Amino acid sequence: MVDVYVGCEEEFEDRGRKVIVHGDLEIGVFFVDGEFYAYENKCVHQGGPVCQGRILNRVVELIAEDKTSQGLAWSEEDVHIVCPWHGYEFNLKTGIHPGYKNARLRAFDIKVKNGEIYVVT
C-alpha cells in the first residue's frame, strides 16, 4: 500500500474536490461535512469520469400521510455526485447508488497527517 499525497486540508472547502492521478489510476477526493472521502474516478455504469460530475443534494419526494405527493425537495442529509456521462448518482459519503445498493464506487481510505491529505492505494 502506498500513501499518495493529495494536498493540504486548508485547500478544501465544504463540498470541495480534487482529482489526482497515480499511475493509471484517477482518484477523486472530496470534503463533505467535515470529512474526506475518496473514490476511483470511474463510474460503475459505463466508466465515465464520475468524480468530475456535479455535486448536489439528493432530490426526495415528499409524501403525505394519505400517500399523495406533496412535491420534491432537496435532502438535507444526502449529498450526491452525478456522473456527467449518463446521470448516475452516488452518495458522496458511502459511494452507493441510491436506487441500486450493489452499484457502488470503488472507495479508498484517506489519511490526514499534520494537515496533509493522503489517499491509501
N, C-alpha and C. Protein backbone atom coordinates (compact mmCIF):
# COMPACT_ATOMS: atom_id res chain seq x y z
N MET A 1 0.83 -1.18 0.00
CA MET A 1 0.00 0.00 0.00
C MET A 1 0.88 1.24 0.00
N VAL A 2 0.41 2.23 -0.76
CA VAL A 2 1.16 3.47 -0.90
C VAL A 2 0.28 4.64 -0.50
N ASP A 3 0.84 5.59 0.26
CA ASP A 3 0.13 6.82 0.59
C ASP A 3 0.45 7.85 -0.49
N VAL A 4 -0.58 8.30 -1.20
CA VAL A 4 -0.40 9.27 -2.29
C VAL A 4 -0.82 10.65 -1.79
N TYR A 5 0.07 11.60 -1.90
CA TYR A 5 -0.20 12.97 -1.44
C TYR A 5 -1.28 13.62 -2.30
N VAL A 6 -2.25 14.25 -1.63
CA VAL A 6 -3.35 14.93 -2.32
C VAL A 6 -3.20 16.44 -2.20
N GLY A 7 -2.92 16.93 -1.00
CA GLY A 7 -2.82 18.37 -0.76
C GLY A 7 -3.00 18.66 0.71
N CYS A 8 -3.16 19.93 1.03
CA CYS A 8 -3.35 20.37 2.41
C CYS A 8 -4.83 20.52 2.73
N GLU A 9 -5.17 20.29 3.98
CA GLU A 9 -6.56 20.40 4.42
C GLU A 9 -7.17 21.74 4.05
N GLU A 10 -6.42 22.83 4.25
CA GLU A 10 -6.98 24.16 4.01
C GLU A 10 -7.29 24.44 2.54
N GLU A 11 -6.82 23.58 1.63
CA GLU A 11 -7.14 23.75 0.21
C GLU A 11 -8.59 23.35 -0.10
N PHE A 12 -9.23 22.62 0.82
CA PHE A 12 -10.57 22.11 0.59
C PHE A 12 -11.61 22.92 1.35
N GLU A 13 -12.62 23.40 0.65
CA GLU A 13 -13.77 23.98 1.33
C GLU A 13 -14.88 22.94 1.29
N ASP A 14 -15.96 23.16 2.03
CA ASP A 14 -17.04 22.18 2.08
C ASP A 14 -17.54 21.91 0.67
N ARG A 15 -17.69 20.64 0.36
CA ARG A 15 -18.08 20.14 -0.96
C ARG A 15 -17.02 20.38 -2.03
N GLY A 16 -15.80 20.61 -1.55
CA GLY A 16 -14.69 20.77 -2.48
C GLY A 16 -14.18 19.41 -2.93
N ARG A 17 -13.44 19.41 -4.03
CA ARG A 17 -12.88 18.16 -4.54
C ARG A 17 -11.57 18.43 -5.26
N LYS A 18 -10.84 17.35 -5.42
CA LYS A 18 -9.60 17.37 -6.18
C LYS A 18 -9.46 16.00 -6.81
N VAL A 19 -9.14 15.95 -8.09
CA VAL A 19 -8.91 14.68 -8.78
C VAL A 19 -7.41 14.55 -8.99
N ILE A 20 -6.86 13.44 -8.51
CA ILE A 20 -5.42 13.20 -8.64
C ILE A 20 -5.18 12.01 -9.55
N VAL A 21 -3.98 11.92 -10.07
CA VAL A 21 -3.58 10.79 -10.92
C VAL A 21 -2.42 10.09 -10.24
N HIS A 22 -2.53 8.77 -10.15
CA HIS A 22 -1.46 7.95 -9.61
C HIS A 22 -1.29 6.76 -10.55
N GLY A 23 -0.29 6.80 -11.39
CA GLY A 23 -0.11 5.77 -12.41
C GLY A 23 -1.28 5.80 -13.38
N ASP A 24 -1.96 4.66 -13.55
CA ASP A 24 -3.12 4.59 -14.42
C ASP A 24 -4.43 4.89 -13.69
N LEU A 25 -4.33 5.25 -12.45
CA LEU A 25 -5.50 5.42 -11.59
C LEU A 25 -5.80 6.90 -11.38
N GLU A 26 -7.08 7.28 -11.58
CA GLU A 26 -7.55 8.61 -11.23
C GLU A 26 -8.44 8.47 -10.01
N ILE A 27 -8.23 9.35 -9.02
CA ILE A 27 -8.99 9.28 -7.77
C ILE A 27 -9.53 10.67 -7.44
N GLY A 28 -10.82 10.72 -7.14
CA GLY A 28 -11.45 11.96 -6.70
C GLY A 28 -11.48 12.00 -5.19
N VAL A 29 -11.01 13.10 -4.62
CA VAL A 29 -11.02 13.30 -3.18
C VAL A 29 -11.99 14.43 -2.86
N PHE A 30 -12.92 14.17 -1.96
CA PHE A 30 -14.00 15.11 -1.64
C PHE A 30 -13.96 15.46 -0.16
N PHE A 31 -14.39 16.68 0.14
CA PHE A 31 -14.53 17.12 1.53
C PHE A 31 -15.99 17.51 1.73
N VAL A 32 -16.71 16.71 2.53
CA VAL A 32 -18.14 16.91 2.75
C VAL A 32 -18.44 16.83 4.24
N ASP A 33 -19.07 17.86 4.75
CA ASP A 33 -19.48 17.90 6.16
C ASP A 33 -18.33 17.58 7.12
N GLY A 34 -17.16 18.12 6.83
CA GLY A 34 -16.02 17.95 7.73
C GLY A 34 -15.24 16.66 7.60
N GLU A 35 -15.57 15.83 6.60
CA GLU A 35 -14.88 14.54 6.40
C GLU A 35 -14.38 14.43 4.97
N PHE A 36 -13.29 13.66 4.80
CA PHE A 36 -12.75 13.40 3.48
C PHE A 36 -13.20 12.03 2.98
N TYR A 37 -13.47 11.95 1.68
CA TYR A 37 -13.87 10.70 1.01
C TYR A 37 -13.11 10.62 -0.30
N ALA A 38 -12.76 9.40 -0.72
CA ALA A 38 -12.02 9.23 -1.97
C ALA A 38 -12.59 8.05 -2.75
N TYR A 39 -12.74 8.25 -4.07
CA TYR A 39 -13.29 7.22 -4.95
C TYR A 39 -12.54 7.22 -6.27
N GLU A 40 -12.48 6.05 -6.88
CA GLU A 40 -11.92 5.96 -8.22
C GLU A 40 -12.79 6.78 -9.16
N ASN A 41 -12.16 7.51 -10.05
CA ASN A 41 -12.87 8.37 -11.00
C ASN A 41 -13.37 7.54 -12.18
N LYS A 42 -14.20 6.54 -11.86
CA LYS A 42 -14.71 5.63 -12.87
C LYS A 42 -16.10 5.17 -12.46
N CYS A 43 -17.11 5.61 -13.19
CA CYS A 43 -18.49 5.24 -12.88
C CYS A 43 -18.70 3.76 -13.15
N VAL A 44 -19.42 3.10 -12.26
CA VAL A 44 -19.67 1.66 -12.43
C VAL A 44 -20.62 1.37 -13.58
N HIS A 45 -21.32 2.38 -14.07
CA HIS A 45 -22.26 2.18 -15.17
C HIS A 45 -21.51 1.91 -16.48
N GLN A 46 -20.75 2.91 -16.96
CA GLN A 46 -20.01 2.71 -18.21
C GLN A 46 -18.64 3.38 -18.19
N GLY A 47 -18.09 3.55 -17.00
CA GLY A 47 -16.71 4.04 -16.89
C GLY A 47 -16.52 5.53 -17.01
N GLY A 48 -17.58 6.31 -16.92
CA GLY A 48 -17.47 7.77 -17.03
C GLY A 48 -16.69 8.38 -15.88
N PRO A 49 -16.26 9.63 -16.07
CA PRO A 49 -15.46 10.33 -15.04
C PRO A 49 -16.35 10.87 -13.92
N VAL A 50 -16.88 9.98 -13.11
CA VAL A 50 -17.88 10.32 -12.09
C VAL A 50 -17.43 11.40 -11.13
N CYS A 51 -16.17 11.42 -10.77
CA CYS A 51 -15.68 12.37 -9.78
C CYS A 51 -15.61 13.80 -10.31
N GLN A 52 -15.85 13.97 -11.59
CA GLN A 52 -15.85 15.30 -12.19
C GLN A 52 -17.27 15.82 -12.41
N GLY A 53 -18.25 15.07 -11.91
CA GLY A 53 -19.64 15.47 -12.08
C GLY A 53 -20.10 16.50 -11.07
N ARG A 54 -21.36 16.88 -11.19
CA ARG A 54 -21.96 17.87 -10.29
C ARG A 54 -22.16 17.28 -8.90
N ILE A 55 -22.02 18.12 -7.90
CA ILE A 55 -22.28 17.75 -6.52
C ILE A 55 -23.59 18.42 -6.12
N LEU A 56 -24.57 17.60 -5.79
CA LEU A 56 -25.91 18.10 -5.45
C LEU A 56 -26.49 17.33 -4.28
N ASN A 57 -27.38 17.97 -3.56
CA ASN A 57 -28.15 17.21 -2.58
C ASN A 57 -29.13 16.31 -3.32
N ARG A 58 -29.44 15.18 -2.72
CA ARG A 58 -30.38 14.24 -3.32
C ARG A 58 -31.77 14.87 -3.37
N VAL A 59 -32.48 14.62 -4.47
CA VAL A 59 -33.87 15.06 -4.59
C VAL A 59 -34.76 13.97 -4.02
N VAL A 60 -35.67 14.36 -3.11
CA VAL A 60 -36.58 13.40 -2.50
C VAL A 60 -38.02 13.87 -2.73
N GLU A 61 -38.92 12.90 -2.82
CA GLU A 61 -40.33 13.24 -2.96
C GLU A 61 -40.96 13.28 -1.59
N LEU A 62 -41.73 14.33 -1.33
CA LEU A 62 -42.43 14.49 -0.06
C LEU A 62 -43.79 13.81 -0.16
N ILE A 63 -44.02 12.82 0.68
CA ILE A 63 -45.25 12.03 0.65
C ILE A 63 -46.07 12.32 1.91
N ALA A 64 -47.34 12.67 1.72
CA ALA A 64 -48.25 12.94 2.84
C ALA A 64 -48.71 11.62 3.45
N GLU A 65 -49.39 11.71 4.61
CA GLU A 65 -49.91 10.51 5.27
C GLU A 65 -50.87 9.73 4.39
N ASP A 66 -51.61 10.44 3.54
CA ASP A 66 -52.56 9.76 2.65
C ASP A 66 -51.89 9.23 1.38
N LYS A 67 -50.55 9.25 1.37
CA LYS A 67 -49.72 8.71 0.29
C LYS A 67 -49.75 9.55 -0.99
N THR A 68 -50.19 10.79 -0.92
CA THR A 68 -50.15 11.67 -2.08
C THR A 68 -48.85 12.46 -2.08
N SER A 69 -48.40 12.79 -3.27
CA SER A 69 -47.17 13.54 -3.41
C SER A 69 -47.39 15.00 -3.05
N GLN A 70 -46.48 15.54 -2.27
CA GLN A 70 -46.51 16.94 -1.89
C GLN A 70 -45.41 17.72 -2.59
N GLY A 71 -44.81 17.10 -3.60
CA GLY A 71 -43.76 17.76 -4.36
C GLY A 71 -42.38 17.20 -4.06
N LEU A 72 -41.38 17.89 -4.58
CA LEU A 72 -39.99 17.47 -4.43
C LEU A 72 -39.24 18.46 -3.56
N ALA A 73 -38.19 17.95 -2.92
CA ALA A 73 -37.35 18.80 -2.06
C ALA A 73 -35.92 18.27 -2.09
N TRP A 74 -34.99 19.11 -1.69
CA TRP A 74 -33.60 18.68 -1.54
C TRP A 74 -33.44 18.03 -0.18
N SER A 75 -32.79 16.87 -0.14
CA SER A 75 -32.47 16.20 1.12
C SER A 75 -31.45 17.04 1.87
N GLU A 76 -31.62 17.13 3.17
CA GLU A 76 -30.65 17.85 3.99
C GLU A 76 -29.43 16.99 4.31
N GLU A 77 -29.59 15.66 4.28
CA GLU A 77 -28.52 14.76 4.69
C GLU A 77 -27.69 14.20 3.54
N ASP A 78 -28.35 13.87 2.44
CA ASP A 78 -27.68 13.13 1.36
C ASP A 78 -27.08 14.05 0.32
N VAL A 79 -25.75 14.00 0.18
CA VAL A 79 -25.04 14.76 -0.84
C VAL A 79 -24.56 13.75 -1.88
N HIS A 80 -24.86 14.03 -3.15
CA HIS A 80 -24.55 13.11 -4.24
C HIS A 80 -23.58 13.71 -5.24
N ILE A 81 -22.89 12.81 -5.91
CA ILE A 81 -22.10 13.15 -7.10
C ILE A 81 -22.85 12.55 -8.28
N VAL A 82 -22.97 13.32 -9.37
CA VAL A 82 -23.73 12.89 -10.54
C VAL A 82 -22.76 12.70 -11.70
N CYS A 83 -22.68 11.48 -12.23
CA CYS A 83 -21.77 11.21 -13.34
C CYS A 83 -22.18 12.04 -14.55
N PRO A 84 -21.23 12.75 -15.16
CA PRO A 84 -21.57 13.61 -16.29
C PRO A 84 -21.94 12.86 -17.57
N TRP A 85 -21.64 11.58 -17.66
CA TRP A 85 -21.98 10.85 -18.89
C TRP A 85 -23.45 10.47 -18.97
N HIS A 86 -24.00 9.85 -17.93
CA HIS A 86 -25.37 9.33 -18.01
C HIS A 86 -26.23 9.66 -16.79
N GLY A 87 -25.73 10.49 -15.90
CA GLY A 87 -26.54 10.95 -14.78
C GLY A 87 -26.66 9.99 -13.61
N TYR A 88 -25.86 8.93 -13.58
CA TYR A 88 -25.90 8.03 -12.41
C TYR A 88 -25.46 8.83 -11.19
N GLU A 89 -26.18 8.63 -10.08
CA GLU A 89 -25.87 9.35 -8.84
C GLU A 89 -25.32 8.39 -7.79
N PHE A 90 -24.42 8.93 -6.97
CA PHE A 90 -23.85 8.16 -5.88
C PHE A 90 -23.76 9.05 -4.65
N ASN A 91 -24.05 8.49 -3.49
CA ASN A 91 -23.93 9.21 -2.23
C ASN A 91 -22.44 9.44 -1.97
N LEU A 92 -22.07 10.69 -1.72
CA LEU A 92 -20.65 11.01 -1.54
C LEU A 92 -20.07 10.46 -0.24
N LYS A 93 -20.90 10.16 0.72
CA LYS A 93 -20.38 9.63 1.99
C LYS A 93 -20.25 8.10 1.97
N THR A 94 -21.01 7.44 1.09
CA THR A 94 -20.98 5.98 1.05
C THR A 94 -20.49 5.42 -0.28
N GLY A 95 -20.60 6.21 -1.34
CA GLY A 95 -20.25 5.73 -2.68
C GLY A 95 -21.31 4.84 -3.30
N ILE A 96 -22.48 4.72 -2.66
CA ILE A 96 -23.53 3.81 -3.11
C ILE A 96 -24.58 4.53 -3.93
N HIS A 97 -25.03 3.89 -5.02
CA HIS A 97 -26.13 4.39 -5.84
C HIS A 97 -27.41 4.29 -5.00
N PRO A 98 -28.25 5.33 -4.96
CA PRO A 98 -29.42 5.31 -4.07
C PRO A 98 -30.51 4.32 -4.47
N GLY A 99 -30.57 3.92 -5.74
CA GLY A 99 -31.63 3.01 -6.18
C GLY A 99 -31.17 1.58 -6.37
N TYR A 100 -29.86 1.36 -6.31
CA TYR A 100 -29.33 0.02 -6.53
C TYR A 100 -28.12 -0.16 -5.63
N LYS A 101 -28.33 -0.75 -4.47
CA LYS A 101 -27.30 -0.84 -3.43
C LYS A 101 -26.04 -1.60 -3.84
N ASN A 102 -26.14 -2.45 -4.87
CA ASN A 102 -24.96 -3.19 -5.32
C ASN A 102 -24.07 -2.36 -6.25
N ALA A 103 -24.59 -1.22 -6.71
CA ALA A 103 -23.78 -0.32 -7.56
C ALA A 103 -23.09 0.67 -6.64
N ARG A 104 -21.78 0.53 -6.53
CA ARG A 104 -21.04 1.42 -5.64
C ARG A 104 -19.69 1.76 -6.25
N LEU A 105 -19.23 2.95 -5.92
CA LEU A 105 -17.93 3.40 -6.39
C LEU A 105 -16.83 2.71 -5.59
N ARG A 106 -15.69 2.53 -6.22
CA ARG A 106 -14.53 1.96 -5.53
C ARG A 106 -13.94 3.01 -4.61
N ALA A 107 -13.97 2.73 -3.33
CA ALA A 107 -13.52 3.70 -2.32
C ALA A 107 -12.06 3.46 -1.93
N PHE A 108 -11.43 4.53 -1.47
CA PHE A 108 -10.07 4.48 -0.96
C PHE A 108 -10.05 5.11 0.43
N ASP A 109 -9.18 4.61 1.28
CA ASP A 109 -9.01 5.20 2.60
C ASP A 109 -8.23 6.51 2.47
N ILE A 110 -8.51 7.40 3.41
CA ILE A 110 -7.85 8.71 3.49
C ILE A 110 -7.09 8.78 4.80
N LYS A 111 -5.91 9.37 4.76
CA LYS A 111 -5.14 9.66 5.97
C LYS A 111 -4.89 11.16 6.02
N VAL A 112 -5.02 11.72 7.21
CA VAL A 112 -4.68 13.13 7.42
C VAL A 112 -3.53 13.15 8.41
N LYS A 113 -2.39 13.69 7.96
CA LYS A 113 -1.18 13.76 8.79
C LYS A 113 -0.70 15.20 8.79
N ASN A 114 -0.70 15.82 9.99
CA ASN A 114 -0.19 17.18 10.13
C ASN A 114 -0.77 18.14 9.10
N GLY A 115 -2.09 18.02 8.85
CA GLY A 115 -2.76 18.91 7.93
C GLY A 115 -2.62 18.56 6.46
N GLU A 116 -1.94 17.44 6.16
CA GLU A 116 -1.78 17.00 4.78
C GLU A 116 -2.66 15.78 4.53
N ILE A 117 -3.25 15.71 3.34
CA ILE A 117 -4.19 14.66 2.97
C ILE A 117 -3.46 13.65 2.08
N TYR A 118 -3.68 12.36 2.38
CA TYR A 118 -3.12 11.25 1.59
C TYR A 118 -4.22 10.26 1.29
N VAL A 119 -4.15 9.67 0.09
CA VAL A 119 -5.03 8.56 -0.28
C VAL A 119 -4.20 7.29 -0.19
N VAL A 120 -4.76 6.25 0.41
CA VAL A 120 -4.07 4.97 0.53
C VAL A 120 -4.46 4.11 -0.67
N THR A 121 -3.47 3.80 -1.51
CA THR A 121 -3.75 2.99 -2.71
C THR A 121 -3.15 1.60 -2.58
